[in-house]
PDB file of N, CA and C in Angstrom:
ATOM      1  N   MET A   1       0.999  -1.227   0.106  1.00  0.00           N
ATOM      2  CA  MET A   1      -0.250   0.139  -0.310  1.00  0.00           C
ATOM      3  C   MET A   1       0.929   1.210  -0.128  1.00  0.00           C
ATOM      4  N   LEU A   2       0.508   1.931  -0.931  1.00  0.00           N
ATOM      5  CA  LEU A   2       0.991   3.613  -0.737  1.00  0.00           C
ATOM      6  C   LEU A   2       0.205   4.462  -0.777  1.00  0.00           C
ATOM      7  N   ALA A   3       0.458   5.749   0.103  1.00  0.00           N
ATOM      8  CA  ALA A   3      -0.171   6.664   0.323  1.00  0.00           C
ATOM      9  C   ALA A   3       0.293   8.050  -0.024  1.00  0.00           C
ATOM     10  N   TYR A   4      -0.513   8.529  -0.636  1.00  0.00           N
ATOM     11  CA  TYR A   4       0.192   9.915  -1.193  1.00  0.00           C
ATOM     12  C   TYR A   4      -0.889  11.063  -0.853  1.00  0.00           C
ATOM     13  N   GLU A   5       0.142  12.254  -0.451  1.00  0.00           N
ATOM     14  CA  GLU A   5      -0.643  13.463  -0.377  1.00  0.00           C
ATOM     15  C   GLU A   5       0.373  14.685  -0.945  1.00  0.00           C
ATOM     16  N   PRO A   6      -0.192  15.332  -1.828  1.00  0.00           N
ATOM     17  CA  PRO A   6       0.850  16.585  -1.872  1.00  0.00           C
ATOM     18  C   PRO A   6       1.286  17.105  -0.641  1.00  0.00           C
ATOM     19  N   ARG A   7       2.630  17.298  -1.183  1.00  0.00           N
ATOM     20  CA  ARG A   7       3.452  18.331   0.208  1.00  0.00           C
ATOM     21  C   ARG A   7       2.496  19.580   0.789  1.00  0.00           C
ATOM     22  N   TRP A   8       2.038  20.134  -0.424  1.00  0.00           N
ATOM     23  CA  TRP A   8       1.489  21.286   0.454  1.00  0.00           C
ATOM     24  C   TRP A   8       0.254  21.245   0.600  1.00  0.00           C
ATOM     25  N   ALA A   9      -0.051  20.599   0.922  1.00  0.00           N
ATOM     26  CA  ALA A   9      -1.582  19.758   0.912  1.00  0.00           C
ATOM     27  C   ALA A   9      -1.923  19.291   2.353  1.00  0.00           C
ATOM     28  N   ILE A  10      -0.457  19.147   3.088  1.00  0.00           N
ATOM     29  CA  ILE A  10      -0.384  18.413   4.310  1.00  0.00           C
ATOM     30  C   ILE A  10      -0.872  19.337   5.296  1.00  0.00           C
ATOM     31  N   GLY A  11      -1.801  19.134   6.079  1.00  0.00           N
ATOM     32  CA  GLY A  11      -2.189  20.294   7.319  1.00  0.00           C
ATOM     33  C   GLY A  11      -2.984  21.522   6.858  1.00  0.00           C
ATOM     34  N   GLY A  12      -3.392  21.087   5.508  1.00  0.00           N
ATOM     35  CA  GLY A  12      -3.806  22.729   4.834  1.00  0.00           C
ATOM     36  C   GLY A  12      -5.219  22.234   4.809  1.00  0.00           C
ATOM     37  N   ALA A  13      -5.908  23.641   4.011  1.00  0.00           N
ATOM     38  CA  ALA A  13      -7.456  22.884   3.569  1.00  0.00           C
ATOM     39  C   ALA A  13      -7.332  22.981   1.869  1.00  0.00           C
ATOM     40  N   ALA A  14      -6.099  23.145   1.529  1.00  0.00           N
ATOM     41  CA  ALA A  14      -5.948  23.632   0.103  1.00  0.00           C
ATOM     42  C   ALA A  14      -6.108  22.010  -0.651  1.00  0.00           C
ATOM     43  N   ALA A  15      -7.051  21.698  -1.561  1.00  0.00           N
ATOM     44  CA  ALA A  15      -7.687  20.548  -2.284  1.00  0.00           C
ATOM     45  C   ALA A  15      -6.908  20.510  -4.006  1.00  0.00           C
ATOM     46  N   ALA A  16      -5.887  19.471  -4.247  1.00  0.00           N
ATOM     47  CA  ALA A  16      -5.850  19.055  -5.289  1.00  0.00           C
ATOM     48  C   ALA A  16      -7.009  19.203  -6.280  1.00  0.00           C
ATOM     49  N   SER A  17      -6.917  19.188  -7.842  1.00  0.00           N
ATOM     50  CA  SER A  17      -7.567  19.102  -8.449  1.00  0.00           C
ATOM     51  C   SER A  17      -7.758  17.792  -8.899  1.00  0.00           C
ATOM     52  N   PRO A  18      -8.922  17.067  -8.876  1.00  0.00           N
ATOM     53  CA  PRO A  18      -8.716  15.730  -9.650  1.00  0.00           C
ATOM     54  C   PRO A  18      -8.040  15.675 -11.032  1.00  0.00           C
ATOM     55  N   ASP A  19      -7.616  16.333 -11.980  1.00  0.00           N
ATOM     56  CA  ASP A  19      -6.932  16.141 -12.463  1.00  0.00           C
ATOM     57  C   ASP A  19      -5.068  15.858 -12.304  1.00  0.00           C
ATOM     58  N   TYR A  20      -5.020  16.575 -11.073  1.00  0.00           N
ATOM     59  CA  TYR A  20      -3.455  16.671 -10.623  1.00  0.00           C
ATOM     60  C   TYR A  20      -3.643  14.758  -9.644  1.00  0.00           C
ATOM     61  N   VAL A  21      -4.685  14.880  -9.065  1.00  0.00           N
ATOM     62  CA  VAL A  21      -4.487  13.578  -8.344  1.00  0.00           C
ATOM     63  C   VAL A  21      -4.252  12.621  -9.390  1.00  0.00           C
ATOM     64  N   ALA A  22      -5.384  12.508 -10.472  1.00  0.00           N
ATOM     65  CA  ALA A  22      -5.252  11.585 -11.570  1.00  0.00           C
ATOM     66  C   ALA A  22      -3.761  11.048 -12.000  1.00  0.00           C
ATOM     67  N   GLU A  23      -3.455  12.344 -12.091  1.00  0.00           N
ATOM     68  CA  GLU A  23      -2.095  12.607 -12.521  1.00  0.00           C
ATOM     69  C   GLU A  23      -0.541  11.846 -11.886  1.00  0.00           C
ATOM     70  N   ARG A  24      -1.160  12.371 -10.691  1.00  0.00           N
ATOM     71  CA  ARG A  24       0.004  12.060  -9.861  1.00  0.00           C
ATOM     72  C   ARG A  24       0.042  10.651  -9.458  1.00  0.00           C
ATOM     73  N   HIS A  25      -1.258  10.044  -9.475  1.00  0.00           N
ATOM     74  CA  HIS A  25      -1.618   8.243  -9.068  1.00  0.00           C
ATOM     75  C   HIS A  25      -0.931   7.815  -9.884  1.00  0.00           C
ATOM     76  N   HIS A  26      -1.148   8.121 -11.269  1.00  0.00           N
ATOM     77  CA  HIS A  26      -0.877   7.532 -12.665  1.00  0.00           C
ATOM     78  C   HIS A  26       0.482   6.982 -12.507  1.00  0.00           C
ATOM     79  N   ALA A  27       0.991   8.196 -12.225  1.00  0.00           N
ATOM     80  CA  ALA A  27       2.967   8.280 -12.435  1.00  0.00           C
ATOM     81  C   ALA A  27       3.087   7.163 -11.426  1.00  0.00           C
ATOM     82  N   LEU A  28       2.477   7.296 -10.272  1.00  0.00           N
ATOM     83  CA  LEU A  28       3.215   6.439  -8.975  1.00  0.00           C
ATOM     84  C   LEU A  28       2.424   4.857  -9.529  1.00  0.00           C
ATOM     85  N   ARG A  29       1.959   4.652 -10.033  1.00  0.00           N
ATOM     86  CA  ARG A  29       1.609   3.055 -10.656  1.00  0.00           C
ATOM     87  C   ARG A  29       2.715   2.614 -11.567  1.00  0.00           C
ATOM     88  N   ALA A  30       2.670   3.644 -12.829  1.00  0.00           N
ATOM     89  CA  ALA A  30       3.732   3.517 -13.337  1.00  0.00           C
ATOM     90  C   ALA A  30       4.862   3.441 -13.143  1.00  0.00           C
ATOM     91  N   HIS A  31       5.552   4.077 -12.363  1.00  0.00           N
ATOM     92  CA  HIS A  31       6.840   4.215 -11.679  1.00  0.00           C
ATOM     93  C   HIS A  31       6.661   2.408 -10.406  1.00  0.00           C
ATOM     94  N   VAL A  32       6.078   2.418  -9.576  1.00  0.00           N
ATOM     95  CA  VAL A  32       6.104   0.732  -8.913  1.00  0.00           C
ATOM     96  C   VAL A  32       6.170  -0.112 -10.768  1.00  0.00           C
ATOM     97  N   ARG A  33       5.264  -0.261 -11.691  1.00  0.00           N
ATOM     98  CA  ARG A  33       5.556  -0.856 -12.828  1.00  0.00           C
ATOM     99  C   ARG A  33       6.831  -1.484 -13.298  1.00  0.00           C
ATOM    100  N   SER A  34       7.349   0.140 -13.720  1.00  0.00           N
ATOM    101  CA  SER A  34       8.702   0.165 -13.884  1.00  0.00           C
ATOM    102  C   SER A  34       9.763  -0.641 -13.202  1.00  0.00           C
ATOM    103  N   ASP A  35       9.765  -0.380 -11.770  1.00  0.00           N
ATOM    104  CA  ASP A  35      10.679  -0.833 -11.262  1.00  0.00           C
ATOM    105  C   ASP A  35      10.586  -2.341 -10.284  1.00  0.00           C
ATOM    106  N   TYR A  36       8.953  -2.337 -10.559  1.00  0.00           N
ATOM    107  CA  TYR A  36       8.741  -4.002  -9.573  1.00  0.00           C
ATOM    108  C   TYR A  36       7.769  -4.669 -10.629  1.00  0.00           C
ATOM    109  N   GLY A  37       7.621  -4.123 -11.890  1.00  0.00           N
ATOM    110  CA  GLY A  37       7.143  -5.387 -12.887  1.00  0.00           C
ATOM    111  C   GLY A  37       5.331  -4.676 -12.546  1.00  0.00           C
ATOM    112  N   ALA A  38       4.705  -5.689 -13.547  1.00  0.00           N
ATOM    113  CA  ALA A  38       3.425  -4.996 -13.706  1.00  0.00           C
ATOM    114  C   ALA A  38       2.533  -6.013 -13.332  1.00  0.00           C
ATOM    115  N   ASP A  39       2.867  -7.175 -11.890  1.00  0.00           N
ATOM    116  CA  ASP A  39       1.828  -7.986 -11.203  1.00  0.00           C
ATOM    117  C   ASP A  39       1.817  -6.934  -9.731  1.00  0.00           C
ATOM    118  N   ALA A  40       3.207  -6.134  -9.563  1.00  0.00           N
ATOM    119  CA  ALA A  40       3.563  -5.465  -8.111  1.00  0.00           C
ATOM    120  C   ALA A  40       2.456  -4.361  -8.667  1.00  0.00           C
ATOM    121  N   ALA A  41       2.460  -3.807  -9.689  1.00  0.00           N
ATOM    122  CA  ALA A  41       1.840  -2.634  -9.767  1.00  0.00           C
ATOM    123  C   ALA A  41       0.013  -3.122  -9.988  1.00  0.00           C
ATOM    124  N   ASP A  42      -0.190  -3.559 -10.541  1.00  0.00           N
ATOM    125  CA  ASP A  42      -1.505  -4.152 -10.338  1.00  0.00           C
ATOM    126  C   ASP A  42      -2.388  -4.439  -9.333  1.00  0.00           C
ATOM    127  N   ARG A  43      -1.325  -5.083  -8.060  1.00  0.00           N
ATOM    128  CA  ARG A  43      -1.670  -5.321  -6.863  1.00  0.00           C
ATOM    129  C   ARG A  43      -1.412  -4.124  -5.727  1.00  0.00           C
ATOM    130  N   MET A  44      -0.612  -3.193  -6.310  1.00  0.00           N
ATOM    131  CA  MET A  44      -0.374  -2.143  -5.177  1.00  0.00           C
ATOM    132  C   MET A  44      -1.362  -1.393  -4.653  1.00  0.00           C
ATOM    133  N   ARG A  45      -2.197  -1.082  -4.108  1.00  0.00           N
ATOM    134  CA  ARG A  45      -2.639  -0.314  -3.668  1.00  0.00           C
ATOM    135  C   ARG A  45      -2.812   1.723  -3.360  1.00  0.00           C
ATOM    136  N   ILE A  46      -3.381   2.315  -4.364  1.00  0.00           N
ATOM    137  CA  ILE A  46      -2.659   3.337  -3.547  1.00  0.00           C
ATOM    138  C   ILE A  46      -3.672   4.402  -3.198  1.00  0.00           C
ATOM    139  N   ILE A  47      -3.687   5.274  -1.746  1.00  0.00           N
ATOM    140  CA  ILE A  47      -4.590   5.973  -1.245  1.00  0.00           C
ATOM    141  C   ILE A  47      -4.329   7.458  -1.387  1.00  0.00           C
ATOM    142  N   TYR A  48      -4.882   8.080  -1.059  1.00  0.00           N
ATOM    143  CA  TYR A  48      -5.168   9.481  -1.228  1.00  0.00           C
ATOM    144  C   TYR A  48      -5.430  10.142  -0.320  1.00  0.00           C
ATOM    145  N   GLY A  49      -5.092  10.843   0.306  1.00  0.00           N
ATOM    146  CA  GLY A  49      -5.043  12.278   0.875  1.00  0.00           C
ATOM    147  C   GLY A  49      -4.559  13.755   0.542  1.00  0.00           C
ATOM    148  N   GLY A  50      -5.678  14.578   1.318  1.00  0.00           N
ATOM    149  CA  GLY A  50      -5.401  16.057   1.162  1.00  0.00           C
ATOM    150  C   GLY A  50      -6.446  16.919   0.945  1.00  0.00           C
ATOM    151  N   ALA A  51      -6.990  17.321   2.161  1.00  0.00           N
ATOM    152  CA  ALA A  51      -8.399  17.804   1.848  1.00  0.00           C
ATOM    153  C   ALA A  51      -9.439  17.173   1.691  1.00  0.00           C
ATOM    154  N   VAL A  52      -9.229  15.349   1.938  1.00  0.00           N
ATOM    155  CA  VAL A  52     -10.495  14.700   1.557  1.00  0.00           C
ATOM    156  C   VAL A  52     -11.642  15.221   2.304  1.00  0.00           C
ATOM    157  N   THR A  53     -13.108  15.275   1.990  1.00  0.00           N
ATOM    158  CA  THR A  53     -14.019  15.166   3.024  1.00  0.00           C
ATOM    159  C   THR A  53     -15.306  14.713   2.175  1.00  0.00           C
ATOM    160  N   PRO A  54     -16.302  14.669   2.307  1.00  0.00           N
ATOM    161  CA  PRO A  54     -17.450  13.956   2.358  1.00  0.00           C
ATOM    162  C   PRO A  54     -18.006  14.605   0.755  1.00  0.00           C
ATOM    163  N   ASP A  55     -17.332  15.893   0.970  1.00  0.00           N
ATOM    164  CA  ASP A  55     -17.755  16.547  -0.577  1.00  0.00           C
ATOM    165  C   ASP A  55     -16.742  16.401  -1.594  1.00  0.00           C
ATOM    166  N   THR A  56     -15.254  16.102  -1.543  1.00  0.00           N
ATOM    167  CA  THR A  56     -14.230  15.539  -2.442  1.00  0.00           C
ATOM    168  C   THR A  56     -14.096  14.636  -2.359  1.00  0.00           C
ATOM    169  N   GLY A  57     -14.427  13.312  -1.582  1.00  0.00           N
ATOM    170  CA  GLY A  57     -14.198  12.245  -1.540  1.00  0.00           C
ATOM    171  C   GLY A  57     -15.358  11.414  -3.009  1.00  0.00           C
ATOM    172  N   PRO A  58     -16.264  11.714  -3.285  1.00  0.00           N
ATOM    173  CA  PRO A  58     -16.788  10.737  -4.369  1.00  0.00           C
ATOM    174  C   PRO A  58     -15.810  11.296  -5.252  1.00  0.00           C
ATOM    175  N   THR A  59     -15.668  12.176  -5.775  1.00  0.00           N
ATOM    176  CA  THR A  59     -14.829  12.368  -6.872  1.00  0.00           C
ATOM    177  C   THR A  59     -13.282  11.607  -7.174  1.00  0.00           C
ATOM    178  N   LEU A  60     -12.895  11.790  -6.096  1.00  0.00           N
ATOM    179  CA  LEU A  60     -11.138  11.332  -5.663  1.00  0.00           C
ATOM    180  C   LEU A  60     -11.557   9.934  -6.082  1.00  0.00           C
ATOM    181  N   ILE A  61     -12.435   9.432  -5.492  1.00  0.00           N
ATOM    182  CA  ILE A  61     -12.315   7.531  -5.017  1.00  0.00           C
ATOM    183  C   ILE A  61     -12.327   6.947  -6.444  1.00  0.00           C
ATOM    184  N   ALA A  62     -13.442   8.048  -6.967  1.00  0.00           N
ATOM    185  CA  ALA A  62     -13.951   7.676  -8.719  1.00  0.00           C
ATOM    186  C   ALA A  62     -12.850   7.521  -9.878  1.00  0.00           C
ATOM    187  N   LEU A  63     -11.704   8.033  -9.237  1.00  0.00           N
ATOM    188  CA  LEU A  63     -10.516   8.019 -10.201  1.00  0.00           C
ATOM    189  C   LEU A  63      -9.851   7.022 -10.069  1.00  0.00           C
ATOM    190  N   ASP A  64      -9.580   6.711 -11.657  1.00  0.00           N
ATOM    191  CA  ASP A  64      -8.349   5.540 -12.025  1.00  0.00           C
ATOM    192  C   ASP A  64      -7.367   5.690 -11.164  1.00  0.00           C
ATOM    193  N   ASN A  65      -6.594   4.631 -10.381  1.00  0.00           N
ATOM    194  CA  ASN A  65      -5.447   4.549  -9.288  1.00  0.00           C
ATOM    195  C   ASN A  65      -5.891   4.821  -8.455  1.00  0.00           C
ATOM    196  N   VAL A  66      -7.014   5.827  -7.933  1.00  0.00           N
ATOM    197  CA  VAL A  66      -7.307   5.677  -6.431  1.00  0.00           C
ATOM    198  C   VAL A  66      -7.906   4.601  -5.817  1.00  0.00           C
ATOM    199  N   ASP A  67      -7.250   4.090  -4.868  1.00  0.00           N
ATOM    200  CA  ASP A  67      -7.691   3.063  -4.410  1.00  0.00           C
ATOM    201  C   ASP A  67      -8.647   2.902  -3.052  1.00  0.00           C
ATOM    202  N   GLY A  68      -8.213   3.974  -2.117  1.00  0.00           N
ATOM    203  CA  GLY A  68      -8.813   4.501  -1.068  1.00  0.00           C
ATOM    204  C   GLY A  68      -8.742   6.181  -0.773  1.00  0.00           C
ATOM    205  N   LEU A  69      -9.127   6.317   0.673  1.00  0.00           N
ATOM    206  CA  LEU A  69      -8.942   7.483   0.468  1.00  0.00           C
ATOM    207  C   LEU A  69      -8.117   7.214   2.090  1.00  0.00           C
ATOM    208  N   PHE A  70      -7.393   8.523   2.617  1.00  0.00           N
ATOM    209  CA  PHE A  70      -6.979   8.950   4.054  1.00  0.00           C
ATOM    210  C   PHE A  70      -7.058  10.298   4.462  1.00  0.00           C
ATOM    211  N   VAL A  71      -7.836  10.063   5.332  1.00  0.00           N
ATOM    212  CA  VAL A  71      -8.898  11.928   5.899  1.00  0.00           C
ATOM    213  C   VAL A  71      -8.779  12.134   7.257  1.00  0.00           C
ATOM    214  N   GLY A  72      -8.381  12.956   7.289  1.00  0.00           N
ATOM    215  CA  GLY A  72      -8.210  14.005   8.702  1.00  0.00           C
ATOM    216  C   GLY A  72      -9.294  14.575   9.639  1.00  0.00           C
ATOM    217  N   ARG A  73      -9.354  15.815   9.224  1.00  0.00           N
ATOM    218  CA  ARG A  73     -10.164  16.655   9.628  1.00  0.00           C
ATOM    219  C   ARG A  73     -11.587  16.161   9.762  1.00  0.00           C
ATOM    220  N   ALA A  74     -12.129  15.610   8.430  1.00  0.00           N
ATOM    221  CA  ALA A  74     -12.963  15.183   8.067  1.00  0.00           C
ATOM    222  C   ALA A  74     -14.000  14.039   8.256  1.00  0.00           C
ATOM    223  N   ALA A  75     -13.110  13.307   9.554  1.00  0.00           N
ATOM    224  CA  ALA A  75     -13.099  12.124  10.000  1.00  0.00           C
ATOM    225  C   ALA A  75     -13.003  12.454  11.349  1.00  0.00           C
ATOM    226  N   TRP A  76     -13.113  13.589  12.077  1.00  0.00           N
ATOM    227  CA  TRP A  76     -12.605  13.811  13.745  1.00  0.00           C
ATOM    228  C   TRP A  76     -14.294  13.416  14.245  1.00  0.00           C
ATOM    229  N   THR A  77     -15.069  13.737  13.433  1.00  0.00           N
ATOM    230  CA  THR A  77     -16.455  13.147  14.224  1.00  0.00           C
ATOM    231  C   THR A  77     -17.078  12.013  13.748  1.00  0.00           C
ATOM    232  N   ALA A  78     -18.111  11.171  14.297  1.00  0.00           N
ATOM    233  CA  ALA A  78     -18.236   9.606  13.973  1.00  0.00           C
ATOM    234  C   ALA A  78     -19.494  10.403  12.316  1.00  0.00           C
ATOM    235  N   ASP A  79     -20.426  10.835  12.729  1.00  0.00           N
ATOM    236  CA  ASP A  79     -20.827  11.491  11.268  1.00  0.00           C
ATOM    237  C   ASP A  79     -19.929  12.063   9.951  1.00  0.00           C
ATOM    238  N   GLY A  80     -18.781  12.174  10.055  1.00  0.00           N
ATOM    239  CA  GLY A  80     -17.847  12.673   9.478  1.00  0.00           C
ATOM    240  C   GLY A  80     -17.177  11.600   8.657  1.00  0.00           C
ATOM    241  N   PHE A  81     -16.693  10.345   9.462  1.00  0.00           N
ATOM    242  CA  PHE A  81     -16.066   8.977   9.437  1.00  0.00           C
ATOM    243  C   PHE A  81     -17.118   8.524   9.082  1.00  0.00           C
ATOM    244  N   MET A  82     -18.322   8.325   9.283  1.00  0.00           N
ATOM    245  CA  MET A  82     -19.381   6.822   8.465  1.00  0.00           C
ATOM    246  C   MET A  82     -19.865   8.065   6.898  1.00  0.00           C
ATOM    247  N   ARG A  83     -19.684   9.139   6.827  1.00  0.00           N
ATOM    248  CA  ARG A  83     -19.758   9.780   5.243  1.00  0.00           C
ATOM    249  C   ARG A  83     -18.902   9.018   4.830  1.00  0.00           C
ATOM    250  N   ILE A  84     -17.322   8.991   5.220  1.00  0.00           N
ATOM    251  CA  ILE A  84     -16.429   8.696   4.126  1.00  0.00           C
ATOM    252  C   ILE A  84     -16.597   7.284   3.963  1.00  0.00           C
ATOM    253  N   VAL A  85     -16.677   6.901   4.905  1.00  0.00           N
ATOM    254  CA  VAL A  85     -17.092   5.416   4.658  1.00  0.00           C
ATOM    255  C   VAL A  85     -18.066   4.821   3.953  1.00  0.00           C
ATOM    256  N   ALA A  86     -19.239   5.299   3.772  1.00  0.00           N
ATOM    257  CA  ALA A  86     -20.091   5.063   3.119  1.00  0.00           C
ATOM    258  C   ALA A  86     -19.509   5.571   1.451  1.00  0.00           C
ATOM    259  N   ILE A  87     -19.227   6.859   1.071  1.00  0.00           N
ATOM    260  CA  ILE A  87     -18.357   6.727   0.018  1.00  0.00           C
ATOM    261  C   ILE A  87     -17.581   5.666  -0.610  1.00  0.00           C
ATOM    262  N   VAL A  88     -16.688   5.380   0.232  1.00  0.00           N
ATOM    263  CA  VAL A  88     -15.421   4.571  -0.242  1.00  0.00           C
ATOM    264  C   VAL A  88     -16.226   3.391  -0.512  1.00  0.00           C
ATOM    265  N   ALA A  89     -17.178   3.145   0.488  1.00  0.00           N
ATOM    266  CA  ALA A  89     -18.076   1.789  -0.055  1.00  0.00           C
ATOM    267  C   ALA A  89     -18.887   1.631  -1.244  1.00  0.00           C
ATOM    268  N   ALA A  90     -19.444   3.122  -1.807  1.00  0.00           N
ATOM    269  CA  ALA A  90     -20.206   2.900  -2.817  1.00  0.00           C
ATOM    270  C   ALA A  90     -19.156   2.615  -3.902  1.00  0.00           C
ATOM    271  N   ALA A  91     -18.257   3.777  -4.015  1.00  0.00           N
ATOM    272  CA  ALA A  91     -17.300   3.246  -4.900  1.00  0.00           C
ATOM    273  C   ALA A  91     -16.791   2.485  -5.479  1.00  0.00           C
ATOM    274  N   ALA A  92     -16.197   1.397  -4.208  1.00  0.00           N
ATOM    275  CA  ALA A  92     -15.821  -0.014  -4.422  1.00  0.00           C
ATOM    276  C   ALA A  92     -16.841  -0.580  -5.120  1.00  0.00           C
ATOM    277  N   LYS A  93     -17.879  -0.701  -4.527  1.00  0.00           N
ATOM    278  CA  LYS A  93     -18.828  -1.532  -5.538  1.00  0.00           C
ATOM    279  C   LYS A  93     -19.030  -1.115  -7.048  1.00  0.00           C
ATOM    280  N   LEU A  94     -18.895   0.000  -7.493  1.00  0.00           N
ATOM    281  CA  LEU A  94     -18.136   0.611  -8.653  1.00  0.00           C
ATOM    282  C   LEU A  94     -17.559   0.200  -9.365  1.00  0.00           C
ATOM    283  N   LYS A  95     -16.559   0.042  -8.570  1.00  0.00           N
ATOM    284  CA  LYS A  95     -15.060  -0.359  -9.027  1.00  0.00           C
ATOM    285  C   LYS A  95     -15.058  -1.894  -9.429  1.00  0.00           C
ATOM    286  N   GLN A  96     -15.776  -2.412  -8.502  1.00  0.00           N
ATOM    287  CA  GLN A  96     -15.478  -4.026  -8.803  1.00  0.00           C
ATOM    288  C   GLN A  96     -15.398  -4.302 -10.424  1.00  0.00           C
ATOM    289  N   GLY A  97     -14.169  -5.333 -10.608  1.00  0.00           N
ATOM    290  CA  GLY A  97     -14.252  -5.454 -11.762  1.00  0.00           C
ATOM    291  C   GLY A  97     -13.309  -4.423 -13.052  1.00  0.00           C
ATOM    292  N   ARG A  98     -13.578  -3.495 -12.352  1.00  0.00           N
ATOM    293  CA  ARG A  98     -13.005  -2.507 -13.242  1.00  0.00           C
ATOM    294  C   ARG A  98     -11.522  -2.342 -13.181  1.00  0.00           C
ATOM    295  N   PRO A  99     -10.364  -2.751 -14.284  1.00  0.00           N
ATOM    296  CA  PRO A  99      -8.688  -2.891 -13.950  1.00  0.00           C
ATOM    297  C   PRO A  99      -8.746  -1.289 -13.471  1.00  0.00           C
ATOM    298  N   SER A 100      -7.301  -1.599 -12.550  1.00  0.00           N
ATOM    299  CA  SER A 100      -6.454  -0.368 -11.792  1.00  0.00           C
ATOM    300  C   SER A 100      -6.420   0.721 -13.061  1.00  0.00           C
TER     301      SER A 100
END
């Protein structure tokens, strides 16, 4: 598993654009593929963090190569945490069978 968060997003409220996240996750998987082979790249789970909220989560988790989310402030309350869990669970159902 690999977790990615842009340096400039750590501890801040700034969110990366979905295009930026998609490009970075694609590059990370390509790097793993190049260095460790296709099997390792296909099995690698890449999760994203960086201003993940119930509002940004659905778009982020739907991106190719984004296999999960890690959250900070959005999960400080039980309600916020459960909203994120529901978002990821719904996305997992949609992504089943879809190639990484």
